[in-house]
N, C-alpha and C. Protein backbone atom coordinates (compact mmCIF):
# COMPACT_ATOMS: atom_id res chain seq x y z
N MET A 1 0.81 -1.22 0.00
CA MET A 1 0.00 0.00 0.00
C MET A 1 0.85 1.28 0.00
N PRO A 2 1.92 1.36 0.82
CA PRO A 2 2.77 2.56 0.74
C PRO A 2 3.34 2.79 -0.65
N LYS A 3 3.68 1.68 -1.38
CA LYS A 3 4.22 1.84 -2.73
C LYS A 3 3.17 2.46 -3.66
N LEU A 4 1.91 2.00 -3.52
CA LEU A 4 0.83 2.57 -4.33
C LEU A 4 0.65 4.04 -4.02
N LEU A 5 0.72 4.39 -2.75
CA LEU A 5 0.56 5.79 -2.36
C LEU A 5 1.71 6.64 -2.87
N LEU A 6 2.91 6.06 -2.91
CA LEU A 6 4.05 6.79 -3.47
C LEU A 6 3.85 7.06 -4.96
N ILE A 7 3.29 6.07 -5.66
CA ILE A 7 2.99 6.26 -7.09
C ILE A 7 1.96 7.37 -7.27
N LEU A 8 0.93 7.37 -6.41
CA LEU A 8 -0.08 8.42 -6.47
C LEU A 8 0.51 9.78 -6.17
N LEU A 9 1.49 9.81 -5.25
CA LEU A 9 2.15 11.08 -4.93
C LEU A 9 2.88 11.62 -6.15
N CYS A 10 3.61 10.74 -6.84
CA CYS A 10 4.32 11.17 -8.06
C CYS A 10 3.35 11.69 -9.11
N LEU A 11 2.24 10.98 -9.28
CA LEU A 11 1.23 11.44 -10.23
C LEU A 11 0.64 12.77 -9.81
N GLY A 12 0.43 12.92 -8.49
CA GLY A 12 -0.13 14.17 -7.99
C GLY A 12 0.77 15.35 -8.23
N VAL A 13 2.07 15.16 -8.06
CA VAL A 13 3.03 16.24 -8.31
C VAL A 13 3.00 16.64 -9.77
N GLN A 14 2.97 15.65 -10.66
CA GLN A 14 2.94 15.95 -12.10
C GLN A 14 1.65 16.65 -12.48
N VAL A 15 0.53 16.16 -11.94
CA VAL A 15 -0.77 16.76 -12.25
C VAL A 15 -0.84 18.18 -11.73
N HIS A 16 -0.29 18.41 -10.52
CA HIS A 16 -0.29 19.76 -9.96
C HIS A 16 0.50 20.71 -10.85
N ALA A 17 1.64 20.27 -11.34
CA ALA A 17 2.45 21.13 -12.21
C ALA A 17 1.70 21.47 -13.49
N GLN A 18 1.02 20.49 -14.06
CA GLN A 18 0.27 20.73 -15.29
C GLN A 18 -0.93 21.62 -15.04
N ASN A 19 -1.62 21.41 -13.91
CA ASN A 19 -2.79 22.22 -13.61
C ASN A 19 -2.41 23.66 -13.32
N THR A 20 -1.26 23.87 -12.65
CA THR A 20 -0.80 25.22 -12.38
C THR A 20 -0.54 25.96 -13.69
N LEU A 21 0.08 25.26 -14.64
CA LEU A 21 0.33 25.86 -15.94
C LEU A 21 -0.98 26.14 -16.65
N ARG A 22 -1.91 25.23 -16.57
CA ARG A 22 -3.19 25.40 -17.24
C ARG A 22 -3.94 26.60 -16.68
N VAL A 23 -3.97 26.75 -15.35
CA VAL A 23 -4.68 27.86 -14.74
C VAL A 23 -4.06 29.18 -15.12
N SER A 24 -2.72 29.23 -15.16
CA SER A 24 -2.05 30.48 -15.48
C SER A 24 -2.21 30.87 -16.94
N GLU A 25 -2.56 29.88 -17.80
CA GLU A 25 -2.67 30.17 -19.22
C GLU A 25 -4.12 30.28 -19.69
N LEU A 26 -5.07 30.25 -18.77
CA LEU A 26 -6.46 30.23 -19.17
C LEU A 26 -6.84 31.45 -20.00
N SER A 27 -6.32 32.61 -19.60
CA SER A 27 -6.69 33.83 -20.29
C SER A 27 -5.97 33.98 -21.61
N ALA A 28 -4.86 33.25 -21.80
CA ALA A 28 -4.08 33.43 -23.01
C ALA A 28 -4.18 32.27 -23.98
N SER A 29 -4.62 31.12 -23.51
CA SER A 29 -4.60 29.94 -24.37
C SER A 29 -5.75 29.96 -25.36
N ALA A 30 -5.47 29.53 -26.56
CA ALA A 30 -6.50 29.43 -27.59
C ALA A 30 -7.05 28.03 -27.60
N PRO A 31 -8.33 27.85 -27.91
CA PRO A 31 -8.91 26.51 -27.91
C PRO A 31 -8.34 25.66 -29.04
N ASP A 32 -8.31 24.36 -28.78
CA ASP A 32 -7.86 23.43 -29.80
C ASP A 32 -9.00 23.21 -30.78
N THR A 33 -8.85 23.74 -31.98
CA THR A 33 -9.93 23.66 -32.96
C THR A 33 -9.77 22.48 -33.90
N THR A 34 -8.90 21.57 -33.55
CA THR A 34 -8.75 20.37 -34.37
C THR A 34 -10.04 19.58 -34.42
N PHE A 35 -10.77 19.59 -33.29
CA PHE A 35 -12.02 18.87 -33.19
C PHE A 35 -13.13 19.88 -32.95
N VAL A 36 -14.06 19.96 -33.90
CA VAL A 36 -15.07 21.01 -33.87
C VAL A 36 -16.43 20.43 -33.55
N ASP A 37 -17.17 21.11 -32.69
CA ASP A 37 -18.54 20.75 -32.38
C ASP A 37 -19.44 21.32 -33.47
N PRO A 38 -20.05 20.52 -34.31
CA PRO A 38 -20.85 21.04 -35.39
C PRO A 38 -22.05 21.83 -34.92
N MET A 39 -22.56 21.55 -33.72
CA MET A 39 -23.70 22.29 -33.20
C MET A 39 -23.32 23.74 -32.96
N THR A 40 -22.08 23.95 -32.45
CA THR A 40 -21.61 25.30 -32.21
C THR A 40 -21.22 25.96 -33.51
N ALA A 41 -20.61 25.18 -34.41
CA ALA A 41 -20.16 25.74 -35.67
C ALA A 41 -21.32 26.25 -36.49
N GLY A 42 -22.50 25.67 -36.33
CA GLY A 42 -23.65 26.09 -37.10
C GLY A 42 -24.47 27.17 -36.44
N SER A 43 -23.98 27.73 -35.36
CA SER A 43 -24.75 28.73 -34.63
C SER A 43 -24.60 30.12 -35.18
N GLY A 44 -23.75 30.31 -36.19
CA GLY A 44 -23.57 31.62 -36.78
C GLY A 44 -22.42 32.40 -36.21
N ASN A 45 -21.71 31.84 -35.23
CA ASN A 45 -20.56 32.50 -34.64
C ASN A 45 -19.31 32.06 -35.38
N SER A 46 -18.82 32.91 -36.29
CA SER A 46 -17.69 32.54 -37.13
C SER A 46 -16.35 32.77 -36.45
N SER A 47 -16.35 33.44 -35.27
CA SER A 47 -15.09 33.76 -34.61
C SER A 47 -14.67 32.70 -33.61
N TYR A 48 -15.54 31.75 -33.32
CA TYR A 48 -15.20 30.75 -32.31
C TYR A 48 -15.92 29.44 -32.61
N VAL A 49 -15.21 28.35 -32.44
CA VAL A 49 -15.81 27.03 -32.56
C VAL A 49 -15.54 26.26 -31.28
N GLN A 50 -16.50 25.48 -30.87
CA GLN A 50 -16.41 24.74 -29.61
C GLN A 50 -15.48 23.54 -29.75
N PRO A 51 -14.38 23.49 -28.99
CA PRO A 51 -13.50 22.32 -29.06
C PRO A 51 -14.13 21.13 -28.33
N LEU A 52 -13.82 19.95 -28.77
CA LEU A 52 -14.31 18.76 -28.10
C LEU A 52 -13.47 18.41 -26.88
N LEU A 53 -12.21 18.84 -26.87
CA LEU A 53 -11.33 18.59 -25.74
C LEU A 53 -10.73 19.91 -25.28
N PRO A 54 -10.43 20.04 -23.98
CA PRO A 54 -9.80 21.26 -23.48
C PRO A 54 -8.38 21.40 -24.01
N HIS A 55 -7.88 22.62 -24.00
CA HIS A 55 -6.52 22.88 -24.50
C HIS A 55 -5.48 22.16 -23.65
N LYS A 56 -5.73 22.09 -22.34
CA LYS A 56 -4.81 21.42 -21.42
C LYS A 56 -5.55 20.32 -20.68
N MET A 57 -4.88 19.18 -20.51
CA MET A 57 -5.43 18.07 -19.74
C MET A 57 -4.36 17.51 -18.81
N MET A 58 -4.81 16.84 -17.75
CA MET A 58 -3.88 16.14 -16.89
C MET A 58 -3.26 14.99 -17.66
N ALA A 59 -2.05 14.62 -17.28
CA ALA A 59 -1.36 13.52 -17.96
C ALA A 59 -2.17 12.23 -17.87
N THR A 60 -2.78 11.98 -16.72
CA THR A 60 -3.57 10.76 -16.54
C THR A 60 -4.82 10.78 -17.41
N GLN A 61 -5.39 11.97 -17.62
CA GLN A 61 -6.54 12.07 -18.51
C GLN A 61 -6.12 11.87 -19.96
N ARG A 62 -4.98 12.46 -20.34
CA ARG A 62 -4.53 12.37 -21.72
C ARG A 62 -4.22 10.92 -22.12
N VAL A 63 -3.73 10.13 -21.16
CA VAL A 63 -3.41 8.72 -21.45
C VAL A 63 -4.66 7.97 -21.93
N PHE A 64 -5.80 8.27 -21.28
CA PHE A 64 -7.04 7.55 -21.62
C PHE A 64 -7.93 8.31 -22.60
N TRP A 65 -8.04 9.64 -22.38
CA TRP A 65 -9.06 10.42 -23.09
C TRP A 65 -8.49 11.42 -24.10
N GLY A 66 -7.17 11.51 -24.23
CA GLY A 66 -6.57 12.44 -25.18
C GLY A 66 -6.89 12.07 -26.62
N PRO A 67 -6.53 12.94 -27.58
CA PRO A 67 -6.80 12.64 -29.00
C PRO A 67 -6.24 11.30 -29.44
N LYS A 68 -5.10 10.90 -28.85
CA LYS A 68 -4.49 9.62 -29.17
C LYS A 68 -4.44 8.71 -27.94
N GLY A 69 -5.40 8.92 -27.03
CA GLY A 69 -5.46 8.12 -25.81
C GLY A 69 -5.84 6.67 -26.07
N LEU A 70 -5.66 5.84 -25.06
CA LEU A 70 -5.92 4.41 -25.21
C LEU A 70 -7.36 4.12 -25.62
N LEU A 71 -8.30 4.84 -25.03
CA LEU A 71 -9.70 4.59 -25.34
C LEU A 71 -10.07 5.04 -26.75
N ARG A 72 -9.31 6.03 -27.27
CA ARG A 72 -9.54 6.47 -28.66
C ARG A 72 -8.97 5.43 -29.63
N ILE A 73 -7.76 4.99 -29.34
CA ILE A 73 -7.09 4.02 -30.22
C ILE A 73 -7.87 2.71 -30.29
N MET A 74 -8.41 2.30 -29.14
CA MET A 74 -9.17 1.05 -29.09
C MET A 74 -10.60 1.23 -29.58
N ASN A 75 -10.96 2.46 -29.92
CA ASN A 75 -12.30 2.79 -30.42
C ASN A 75 -13.39 2.51 -29.38
N VAL A 76 -13.00 2.51 -28.11
CA VAL A 76 -13.98 2.36 -27.04
C VAL A 76 -14.74 3.67 -26.84
N ALA A 77 -14.03 4.79 -27.00
CA ALA A 77 -14.64 6.11 -26.83
C ALA A 77 -14.24 7.00 -28.01
N PRO A 78 -14.94 6.88 -29.14
CA PRO A 78 -14.62 7.71 -30.31
C PRO A 78 -14.78 9.19 -29.98
N LEU A 79 -13.92 10.00 -30.56
CA LEU A 79 -13.94 11.44 -30.29
C LEU A 79 -14.95 12.11 -31.21
N THR A 80 -16.21 12.08 -30.78
CA THR A 80 -17.31 12.71 -31.53
C THR A 80 -18.13 13.54 -30.56
N VAL A 81 -19.03 14.36 -31.11
CA VAL A 81 -19.90 15.18 -30.27
C VAL A 81 -20.74 14.29 -29.36
N GLU A 82 -21.34 13.26 -29.93
CA GLU A 82 -22.17 12.35 -29.13
C GLU A 82 -21.32 11.61 -28.09
N GLY A 83 -20.12 11.22 -28.51
CA GLY A 83 -19.23 10.52 -27.58
C GLY A 83 -18.83 11.40 -26.41
N ARG A 84 -18.54 12.67 -26.68
CA ARG A 84 -18.14 13.58 -25.61
C ARG A 84 -19.30 13.84 -24.65
N GLU A 85 -20.53 13.87 -25.16
CA GLU A 85 -21.68 14.05 -24.29
C GLU A 85 -21.80 12.88 -23.31
N LYS A 86 -21.55 11.67 -23.81
CA LYS A 86 -21.57 10.50 -22.94
C LYS A 86 -20.42 10.55 -21.93
N GLU A 87 -19.26 11.03 -22.39
CA GLU A 87 -18.11 11.13 -21.50
C GLU A 87 -18.36 12.11 -20.36
N LEU A 88 -19.07 13.19 -20.65
CA LEU A 88 -19.39 14.15 -19.60
C LEU A 88 -20.33 13.54 -18.56
N ASP A 89 -21.22 12.65 -19.00
CA ASP A 89 -22.06 11.92 -18.04
C ASP A 89 -21.20 11.00 -17.18
N VAL A 90 -20.24 10.33 -17.82
CA VAL A 90 -19.31 9.47 -17.07
C VAL A 90 -18.51 10.31 -16.08
N ARG A 91 -18.07 11.49 -16.52
CA ARG A 91 -17.30 12.38 -15.66
C ARG A 91 -18.11 12.77 -14.42
N ARG A 92 -19.36 13.14 -14.63
CA ARG A 92 -20.20 13.53 -13.49
C ARG A 92 -20.34 12.37 -12.51
N PHE A 93 -20.58 11.16 -13.04
CA PHE A 93 -20.72 9.99 -12.17
C PHE A 93 -19.43 9.73 -11.39
N MET A 94 -18.28 9.79 -12.08
CA MET A 94 -17.00 9.51 -11.44
C MET A 94 -16.67 10.54 -10.36
N LEU A 95 -17.01 11.80 -10.61
CA LEU A 95 -16.66 12.83 -9.64
C LEU A 95 -17.64 12.86 -8.47
N ILE A 96 -18.87 12.41 -8.68
CA ILE A 96 -19.77 12.21 -7.55
C ILE A 96 -19.24 11.07 -6.68
N ALA A 97 -18.81 9.97 -7.35
CA ALA A 97 -18.21 8.86 -6.62
C ALA A 97 -16.94 9.31 -5.90
N HIS A 98 -16.18 10.21 -6.54
CA HIS A 98 -14.97 10.78 -5.94
C HIS A 98 -15.30 11.48 -4.63
N GLN A 99 -16.38 12.24 -4.62
CA GLN A 99 -16.77 12.93 -3.40
C GLN A 99 -17.25 11.96 -2.33
N VAL A 100 -18.01 10.94 -2.74
CA VAL A 100 -18.51 9.95 -1.78
C VAL A 100 -17.36 9.21 -1.11
N THR A 101 -16.43 8.70 -1.92
CA THR A 101 -15.28 7.99 -1.34
C THR A 101 -14.38 8.94 -0.55
N GLY A 102 -14.41 10.22 -0.93
CA GLY A 102 -13.66 11.21 -0.16
C GLY A 102 -14.21 11.36 1.25
N TYR A 103 -15.52 11.39 1.37
CA TYR A 103 -16.13 11.48 2.70
C TYR A 103 -15.92 10.19 3.51
N VAL A 104 -15.91 9.05 2.82
CA VAL A 104 -15.58 7.79 3.50
C VAL A 104 -14.16 7.85 4.04
N THR A 105 -13.24 8.38 3.23
CA THR A 105 -11.85 8.54 3.67
C THR A 105 -11.76 9.47 4.86
N LEU A 106 -12.50 10.57 4.81
CA LEU A 106 -12.49 11.54 5.91
C LEU A 106 -12.99 10.89 7.20
N ALA A 107 -14.05 10.10 7.09
CA ALA A 107 -14.57 9.38 8.26
C ALA A 107 -13.53 8.39 8.79
N GLY A 108 -12.79 7.76 7.87
CA GLY A 108 -11.74 6.84 8.28
C GLY A 108 -10.65 7.53 9.07
N PHE A 109 -10.28 8.75 8.64
CA PHE A 109 -9.27 9.51 9.39
C PHE A 109 -9.74 9.79 10.82
N VAL A 110 -11.02 10.15 10.95
CA VAL A 110 -11.57 10.46 12.28
C VAL A 110 -11.55 9.22 13.17
N VAL A 111 -12.00 8.08 12.63
CA VAL A 111 -12.03 6.84 13.40
C VAL A 111 -10.61 6.42 13.80
N GLN A 112 -9.67 6.57 12.88
CA GLN A 112 -8.27 6.24 13.20
C GLN A 112 -7.76 7.09 14.35
N GLY A 113 -8.07 8.38 14.32
CA GLY A 113 -7.62 9.27 15.38
C GLY A 113 -8.18 8.88 16.73
N ILE A 114 -9.46 8.52 16.75
CA ILE A 114 -10.10 8.11 18.00
C ILE A 114 -9.47 6.82 18.54
N LEU A 115 -9.28 5.85 17.65
CA LEU A 115 -8.70 4.57 18.07
C LEU A 115 -7.26 4.74 18.55
N GLU A 116 -6.51 5.62 17.88
CA GLU A 116 -5.12 5.84 18.30
C GLU A 116 -5.07 6.49 19.67
N ALA A 117 -5.96 7.45 19.92
CA ALA A 117 -6.00 8.12 21.22
C ALA A 117 -6.32 7.12 22.33
N LYS A 118 -7.26 6.21 22.07
CA LYS A 118 -7.60 5.20 23.06
C LYS A 118 -6.47 4.20 23.25
N ALA A 119 -5.82 3.82 22.16
CA ALA A 119 -4.73 2.84 22.24
C ALA A 119 -3.55 3.37 23.04
N ASN A 120 -3.31 4.67 22.97
CA ASN A 120 -2.19 5.26 23.70
C ASN A 120 -2.36 5.16 25.21
N ASN A 121 -3.61 5.03 25.66
CA ASN A 121 -3.89 4.93 27.10
C ASN A 121 -4.28 3.52 27.53
N ALA A 122 -4.18 2.56 26.60
CA ALA A 122 -4.59 1.19 26.90
C ALA A 122 -3.38 0.29 27.12
N THR A 123 -3.64 -0.84 27.73
CA THR A 123 -2.59 -1.83 27.98
C THR A 123 -3.15 -3.23 27.76
N GLY A 124 -2.24 -4.19 27.62
CA GLY A 124 -2.62 -5.59 27.55
C GLY A 124 -3.51 -5.92 26.37
N ALA A 125 -4.53 -6.75 26.64
CA ALA A 125 -5.42 -7.22 25.58
C ALA A 125 -6.22 -6.09 24.95
N THR A 126 -6.57 -5.10 25.77
CA THR A 126 -7.32 -3.95 25.23
C THR A 126 -6.50 -3.20 24.20
N TYR A 127 -5.21 -3.04 24.48
CA TYR A 127 -4.32 -2.36 23.53
C TYR A 127 -4.23 -3.14 22.22
N ASP A 128 -4.11 -4.47 22.33
CA ASP A 128 -4.02 -5.30 21.13
C ASP A 128 -5.29 -5.20 20.28
N GLN A 129 -6.45 -5.19 20.94
CA GLN A 129 -7.71 -5.07 20.22
C GLN A 129 -7.82 -3.72 19.51
N LEU A 130 -7.45 -2.66 20.22
CA LEU A 130 -7.52 -1.33 19.62
C LEU A 130 -6.52 -1.19 18.47
N LEU A 131 -5.34 -1.79 18.64
CA LEU A 131 -4.32 -1.73 17.60
C LEU A 131 -4.79 -2.45 16.34
N ASN A 132 -5.40 -3.63 16.52
CA ASN A 132 -5.93 -4.37 15.37
C ASN A 132 -7.04 -3.60 14.67
N ALA A 133 -7.91 -2.98 15.48
CA ALA A 133 -9.00 -2.19 14.90
C ALA A 133 -8.46 -0.99 14.14
N GLN A 134 -7.42 -0.38 14.69
CA GLN A 134 -6.82 0.78 14.01
C GLN A 134 -6.16 0.36 12.69
N GLN A 135 -5.48 -0.77 12.69
CA GLN A 135 -4.84 -1.24 11.46
C GLN A 135 -5.86 -1.59 10.39
N THR A 136 -6.97 -2.21 10.81
CA THR A 136 -8.05 -2.52 9.86
C THR A 136 -8.64 -1.24 9.27
N THR A 137 -8.87 -0.26 10.15
CA THR A 137 -9.41 1.03 9.70
C THR A 137 -8.43 1.72 8.76
N ALA A 138 -7.15 1.62 9.06
CA ALA A 138 -6.13 2.25 8.21
C ALA A 138 -6.13 1.63 6.81
N THR A 139 -6.29 0.31 6.74
CA THR A 139 -6.34 -0.37 5.44
C THR A 139 -7.54 0.09 4.63
N ILE A 140 -8.70 0.14 5.28
CA ILE A 140 -9.92 0.59 4.60
C ILE A 140 -9.77 2.04 4.14
N THR A 141 -9.19 2.87 5.01
CA THR A 141 -9.00 4.29 4.67
C THR A 141 -8.05 4.45 3.50
N ASN A 142 -6.97 3.67 3.48
CA ASN A 142 -6.02 3.74 2.36
C ASN A 142 -6.67 3.33 1.04
N ILE A 143 -7.49 2.29 1.08
CA ILE A 143 -8.19 1.86 -0.13
C ILE A 143 -9.15 2.94 -0.61
N ALA A 144 -9.89 3.52 0.34
CA ALA A 144 -10.83 4.59 -0.01
C ALA A 144 -10.09 5.80 -0.55
N TYR A 145 -8.94 6.11 0.05
CA TYR A 145 -8.15 7.27 -0.40
C TYR A 145 -7.63 7.04 -1.82
N GLY A 146 -7.08 5.85 -2.06
CA GLY A 146 -6.57 5.54 -3.40
C GLY A 146 -7.66 5.56 -4.45
N THR A 147 -8.85 5.04 -4.09
CA THR A 147 -9.98 5.08 -5.01
C THR A 147 -10.40 6.51 -5.30
N THR A 148 -10.42 7.34 -4.26
CA THR A 148 -10.77 8.75 -4.43
C THR A 148 -9.83 9.45 -5.40
N ALA A 149 -8.54 9.20 -5.23
CA ALA A 149 -7.54 9.84 -6.09
C ALA A 149 -7.67 9.36 -7.54
N LEU A 150 -7.83 8.05 -7.73
CA LEU A 150 -7.91 7.50 -9.08
C LEU A 150 -9.16 7.97 -9.82
N LEU A 151 -10.26 8.11 -9.11
CA LEU A 151 -11.49 8.61 -9.74
C LEU A 151 -11.31 10.02 -10.27
N SER A 152 -10.57 10.83 -9.53
CA SER A 152 -10.32 12.20 -9.96
C SER A 152 -9.31 12.26 -11.10
N LEU A 153 -8.25 11.47 -10.99
CA LEU A 153 -7.17 11.53 -11.97
C LEU A 153 -7.55 10.96 -13.33
N THR A 154 -8.50 10.02 -13.35
CA THR A 154 -8.82 9.34 -14.61
C THR A 154 -10.18 9.71 -15.17
N ALA A 155 -10.87 10.67 -14.57
CA ALA A 155 -12.18 11.08 -15.10
C ALA A 155 -12.01 11.78 -16.44
N PRO A 156 -12.96 11.64 -17.35
CA PRO A 156 -12.88 12.36 -18.62
C PRO A 156 -12.77 13.87 -18.39
N PRO A 157 -12.07 14.59 -19.25
CA PRO A 157 -11.89 16.03 -19.06
C PRO A 157 -13.16 16.80 -19.40
N LYS A 158 -13.21 18.04 -18.89
CA LYS A 158 -14.29 18.94 -19.26
C LYS A 158 -14.17 19.31 -20.73
N LEU A 159 -15.21 19.96 -21.25
CA LEU A 159 -15.13 20.47 -22.62
C LEU A 159 -14.09 21.57 -22.72
N ILE A 160 -14.18 22.55 -21.83
CA ILE A 160 -13.22 23.65 -21.80
C ILE A 160 -12.90 23.97 -20.36
N ALA A 161 -11.74 24.58 -20.13
CA ALA A 161 -11.36 25.02 -18.79
C ALA A 161 -12.22 26.21 -18.39
N ASP A 162 -12.59 26.27 -17.12
CA ASP A 162 -13.47 27.32 -16.61
C ASP A 162 -12.68 28.26 -15.72
N ARG A 163 -12.57 29.54 -16.16
CA ARG A 163 -11.80 30.50 -15.38
C ARG A 163 -12.45 30.81 -14.04
N ARG A 164 -13.77 30.61 -13.95
CA ARG A 164 -14.47 30.93 -12.71
C ARG A 164 -14.05 30.00 -11.57
N THR A 165 -13.62 28.80 -11.90
CA THR A 165 -13.22 27.84 -10.87
C THR A 165 -11.71 27.74 -10.72
N ALA A 166 -10.96 28.63 -11.39
CA ALA A 166 -9.49 28.53 -11.39
C ALA A 166 -8.91 28.62 -9.99
N SER A 167 -9.41 29.57 -9.17
CA SER A 167 -8.84 29.75 -7.83
C SER A 167 -9.13 28.55 -6.95
N ARG A 168 -10.33 27.97 -7.07
CA ARG A 168 -10.67 26.80 -6.27
C ARG A 168 -9.86 25.58 -6.71
N ILE A 169 -9.62 25.47 -8.02
CA ILE A 169 -8.79 24.37 -8.53
C ILE A 169 -7.38 24.49 -7.98
N ARG A 170 -6.85 25.72 -7.98
CA ARG A 170 -5.49 25.94 -7.48
C ARG A 170 -5.40 25.57 -6.00
N LEU A 171 -6.38 26.02 -5.20
CA LEU A 171 -6.39 25.69 -3.77
C LEU A 171 -6.50 24.19 -3.57
N HIS A 172 -7.39 23.55 -4.31
CA HIS A 172 -7.58 22.11 -4.21
C HIS A 172 -6.29 21.36 -4.52
N ASN A 173 -5.57 21.82 -5.54
CA ASN A 173 -4.33 21.15 -5.93
C ASN A 173 -3.24 21.29 -4.88
N TYR A 174 -3.10 22.49 -4.30
CA TYR A 174 -2.10 22.68 -3.25
C TYR A 174 -2.41 21.80 -2.04
N LEU A 175 -3.68 21.78 -1.63
CA LEU A 175 -4.07 20.96 -0.48
C LEU A 175 -3.91 19.47 -0.79
N SER A 176 -4.16 19.09 -2.05
CA SER A 176 -4.02 17.68 -2.43
C SER A 176 -2.58 17.21 -2.31
N LEU A 177 -1.64 18.07 -2.69
CA LEU A 177 -0.23 17.72 -2.55
C LEU A 177 0.14 17.52 -1.08
N ILE A 178 -0.43 18.38 -0.22
CA ILE A 178 -0.12 18.28 1.21
C ILE A 178 -0.67 16.98 1.78
N HIS A 179 -1.96 16.70 1.52
CA HIS A 179 -2.52 15.49 2.14
C HIS A 179 -2.03 14.21 1.48
N LEU A 180 -1.64 14.28 0.21
CA LEU A 180 -1.06 13.09 -0.44
C LEU A 180 0.31 12.78 0.15
N THR A 181 1.11 13.83 0.36
CA THR A 181 2.41 13.64 1.03
C THR A 181 2.20 13.15 2.45
N GLY A 182 1.18 13.73 3.11
CA GLY A 182 0.90 13.37 4.50
C GLY A 182 0.49 11.93 4.68
N ILE A 183 -0.33 11.41 3.77
CA ILE A 183 -0.79 10.03 3.95
C ILE A 183 0.32 9.03 3.65
N VAL A 184 1.22 9.39 2.72
CA VAL A 184 2.39 8.54 2.49
C VAL A 184 3.27 8.51 3.74
N ALA A 185 3.52 9.70 4.32
CA ALA A 185 4.33 9.78 5.54
C ALA A 185 3.66 9.04 6.69
N THR A 186 2.34 9.17 6.79
CA THR A 186 1.60 8.51 7.87
C THR A 186 1.76 7.00 7.80
N ASN A 187 1.66 6.43 6.60
CA ASN A 187 1.78 4.98 6.44
C ASN A 187 3.20 4.50 6.73
N ILE A 188 4.19 5.27 6.31
CA ILE A 188 5.58 4.89 6.59
C ILE A 188 5.86 4.95 8.09
N LEU A 189 5.40 6.04 8.72
CA LEU A 189 5.64 6.21 10.16
C LEU A 189 4.84 5.22 10.99
N ALA A 190 3.70 4.76 10.47
CA ALA A 190 2.90 3.77 11.21
C ALA A 190 3.69 2.49 11.42
N GLY A 191 4.40 2.05 10.37
CA GLY A 191 5.22 0.86 10.49
C GLY A 191 6.36 1.03 11.47
N LYS A 192 6.97 2.22 11.44
CA LYS A 192 8.07 2.49 12.37
C LYS A 192 7.58 2.64 13.80
N ALA A 193 6.39 3.25 13.97
CA ALA A 193 5.84 3.44 15.31
C ALA A 193 5.47 2.11 15.96
N ALA A 194 5.09 1.13 15.14
CA ALA A 194 4.75 -0.19 15.68
C ALA A 194 5.98 -0.89 16.25
N GLN A 195 7.16 -0.53 15.76
CA GLN A 195 8.40 -1.13 16.23
C GLN A 195 9.10 -0.28 17.28
N ASN A 196 8.88 1.03 17.21
CA ASN A 196 9.55 1.96 18.12
C ASN A 196 8.57 3.05 18.52
N SER A 197 8.23 3.12 19.80
CA SER A 197 7.24 4.08 20.28
C SER A 197 7.69 5.53 20.13
N GLU A 198 8.98 5.77 19.90
CA GLU A 198 9.46 7.14 19.73
C GLU A 198 8.91 7.78 18.46
N PHE A 199 8.46 6.95 17.52
CA PHE A 199 7.92 7.49 16.26
C PHE A 199 6.44 7.84 16.38
N ARG A 200 5.79 7.50 17.48
CA ARG A 200 4.35 7.75 17.61
C ARG A 200 3.99 9.23 17.50
N PRO A 201 4.72 10.14 18.16
CA PRO A 201 4.37 11.57 18.01
C PRO A 201 4.46 12.05 16.57
N TYR A 202 5.47 11.58 15.83
CA TYR A 202 5.62 11.98 14.43
C TYR A 202 4.48 11.41 13.58
N HIS A 203 4.11 10.17 13.90
CA HIS A 203 2.98 9.55 13.20
C HIS A 203 1.70 10.33 13.44
N ARG A 204 1.51 10.79 14.68
CA ARG A 204 0.31 11.55 15.03
C ARG A 204 0.28 12.89 14.30
N VAL A 205 1.43 13.56 14.24
CA VAL A 205 1.51 14.85 13.55
C VAL A 205 1.22 14.67 12.06
N ALA A 206 1.78 13.62 11.46
CA ALA A 206 1.55 13.36 10.03
C ALA A 206 0.07 13.09 9.77
N GLY A 207 -0.56 12.35 10.67
CA GLY A 207 -1.98 12.05 10.51
C GLY A 207 -2.85 13.29 10.63
N LEU A 208 -2.54 14.14 11.62
CA LEU A 208 -3.30 15.38 11.81
C LEU A 208 -3.11 16.32 10.62
N THR A 209 -1.88 16.38 10.10
CA THR A 209 -1.62 17.24 8.94
C THR A 209 -2.40 16.76 7.72
N THR A 210 -2.43 15.45 7.54
CA THR A 210 -3.19 14.88 6.42
C THR A 210 -4.67 15.22 6.54
N PHE A 211 -5.21 15.04 7.73
CA PHE A 211 -6.63 15.35 7.95
C PHE A 211 -6.91 16.83 7.75
N ALA A 212 -6.02 17.68 8.27
CA ALA A 212 -6.21 19.13 8.18
C ALA A 212 -6.18 19.63 6.74
N ALA A 213 -5.45 18.93 5.86
CA ALA A 213 -5.40 19.32 4.45
C ALA A 213 -6.52 18.66 3.64
N PHE A 214 -6.88 17.43 4.02
CA PHE A 214 -7.86 16.68 3.24
C PHE A 214 -9.26 17.26 3.37
N ALA A 215 -9.65 17.62 4.58
CA ALA A 215 -11.01 18.12 4.80
C ALA A 215 -11.32 19.37 3.97
N PRO A 216 -10.49 20.44 4.03
CA PRO A 216 -10.79 21.61 3.19
C PRO A 216 -10.63 21.35 1.70
N ALA A 217 -9.74 20.42 1.32
CA ALA A 217 -9.59 20.09 -0.10
C ALA A 217 -10.87 19.48 -0.65
N LEU A 218 -11.54 18.69 0.19
CA LEU A 218 -12.79 18.05 -0.22
C LEU A 218 -13.90 19.08 -0.39
N ILE A 219 -13.85 20.12 0.45
CA ILE A 219 -14.88 21.16 0.41
C ILE A 219 -14.59 22.21 -0.66
N ALA A 220 -13.29 22.43 -0.94
CA ALA A 220 -12.89 23.56 -1.80
C ALA A 220 -13.35 23.43 -3.23
N LEU A 221 -13.46 22.20 -3.73
CA LEU A 221 -13.72 22.01 -5.16
C LEU A 221 -15.09 21.40 -5.38
N LYS A 222 -15.91 22.10 -6.14
CA LYS A 222 -17.20 21.57 -6.55
C LYS A 222 -17.13 21.28 -8.04
N PHE A 223 -17.42 20.05 -8.41
CA PHE A 223 -17.27 19.65 -9.81
C PHE A 223 -18.55 19.97 -10.57
């Protein structure tokens, strides 16, 4: 699980860099007119045509949904107006699921904190029971967290970037880097704390930092 989280961290750093560039270029970037929406083209507006894909996409989105993405090459998701409409429905479903699993993850953080606080004051069989419960909760939370991240990273892209949500996207990305780094550190320190109690305070700080960044990140972005 820590290895998977490290991979997600690397992806998150790359996505953050691309999103920062995208947000800064929103006012200057021209739409990709390689793919034209015929409904918009026939509206009488000769100065602008609706692109089927945004000018900038996350690397993880481009792998699957880009002009030469895997789903395009395999003809699973042809790049057409009708196809993009279906993709936007898929996007909405995936990002609703992203929010749901995000709240499950948030609840897992809370339960872990409560169990850890009780375990610190417990001894004997009670301590073992609380420790096992905490480890089980941590596993469920990690799975929920990984699912939350993958749903966001692999969802189909919007039609165009929205300048109105640029500030919230930027805040969400910064907080995502913090809590992604935090959950990796928390998992690494959890293993060390189980062997050496001196690591417990550091594990607690990493967990609190992760929670403090994850909660507002979940609230900051409305899809």
